[in-house]
Every structure is written in structure tokens, then in C-alpha cells.
Amino acid sequence: MKITLNPDKEVVKTVKDGLLKKGGYCPCKMGKSEDIKCMCKEFREQIADPEFEGFCHCMLYYKSK
């Protein structure tokens, strides 16, 4: 398993700017809770699934097998 940043530098910049504005919380989701603090609960659960390969919700990270 390997976690990498999206190869699209513009997406990475946009998401990281959003994370800075929201104090580390996913810029793609409403509210602030530990479940949406980057790296969000949704993606941590996807990482734990050995069959999952793909991007996190906001497209910042990619998990490959």
C-alpha cells in the first residue's frame, strides 16, 4: 500500500489552501469535527480496506495497492 499526493499540482494547491483556511478540516465538507480533520475518517477507513484503490474525497491523496 502506498499513499501519495494527487499528481495534479493545481488540485493539491487548491485543497491545501482550503485546509489552511479551515484549520486543517476538509474544505469539501461542512462543519468541523475530528471525522473531517485531514486525513479524514472516511479516507482512513478506505485505507484500511485492502481492496480500495483511489482518491480521498477531496482528491488530495491517492491510495494505491
Protein backbone atom coordinates (compact mmCIF):
# COMPACT_ATOMS: atom_id res chain seq x y z
CA MET A 1 0.00 0.00 0.00
CA LYS A 2 1.19 3.48 -0.82
CA ILE A 3 -0.36 6.92 -0.13
CA THR A 4 0.69 9.75 -2.45
CA LEU A 5 -0.42 13.28 -3.23
CA ASN A 6 -2.50 13.88 -6.30
CA PRO A 7 -0.09 14.39 -9.24
CA ASP A 8 -2.17 17.43 -10.33
CA LYS A 9 -0.31 20.27 -8.59
CA GLU A 10 -3.23 22.70 -9.05
CA VAL A 11 -5.61 20.36 -7.19
CA VAL A 12 -3.05 19.93 -4.41
CA LYS A 13 -2.59 23.70 -4.11
CA THR A 14 -6.34 24.36 -4.05
CA VAL A 15 -7.03 21.72 -1.41
CA LYS A 16 -4.06 22.76 0.75
CA ASP A 17 -5.19 26.41 0.59
CA GLY A 18 -8.65 25.27 1.71
CA LEU A 19 -7.17 23.24 4.54
CA LEU A 20 -5.25 26.29 5.75
CA LYS A 21 -8.40 28.43 5.68
CA LYS A 22 -10.39 25.81 7.61
CA GLY A 23 -7.71 24.99 10.19
CA GLY A 24 -6.95 21.52 8.82
CA TYR A 25 -10.56 20.45 8.28
CA CYS A 26 -11.65 19.13 4.88
CA PRO A 27 -12.52 22.10 2.67
CA CYS A 28 -15.00 19.90 0.78
CA LYS A 29 -17.23 19.25 3.79
CA MET A 30 -19.35 21.41 6.06
CA GLY A 31 -18.62 21.83 9.76
CA LYS A 32 -15.67 20.95 11.92
CA SER A 33 -15.29 17.61 13.66
CA GLU A 34 -12.48 15.15 14.15
CA ASP A 35 -14.11 12.96 11.49
CA ILE A 36 -13.37 15.56 8.80
CA LYS A 37 -9.94 16.68 10.01
CA CYS A 38 -7.43 15.86 7.26
CA MET A 39 -6.70 12.93 6.81
CA CYS A 40 -10.43 12.37 7.31
CA LYS A 41 -12.10 9.35 8.89
CA GLU A 42 -13.64 8.38 5.54
CA PHE A 43 -10.22 8.07 3.89
CA ARG A 44 -8.65 6.35 6.92
CA GLU A 45 -11.37 3.71 6.62
CA GLN A 46 -10.73 3.40 2.88
CA ILE A 47 -7.02 2.97 3.60
CA ALA A 48 -7.85 0.11 5.96
CA ASP A 49 -9.76 -1.68 3.17
CA PRO A 50 -7.21 -3.82 1.30
CA GLU A 51 -9.42 -3.77 -1.81
CA PHE A 52 -9.70 0.03 -2.03
CA GLU A 53 -7.58 1.93 -4.51
CA GLY A 54 -8.31 5.57 -5.34
CA PHE A 55 -8.52 9.17 -4.22
CA CYS A 56 -9.80 10.57 -0.96
CA HIS A 57 -13.00 12.63 -1.11
CA CYS A 58 -11.23 15.95 -1.80
CA MET A 59 -8.75 14.41 -4.26
CA LEU A 60 -5.65 15.37 -2.24
CA TYR A 61 -4.41 11.82 -1.52
CA TYR A 62 -4.31 8.67 -3.57
CA LYS A 63 -4.06 5.15 -2.15
CA SER A 64 -2.54 2.51 -4.40
CA LYS A 65 -2.33 -1.19 -3.60
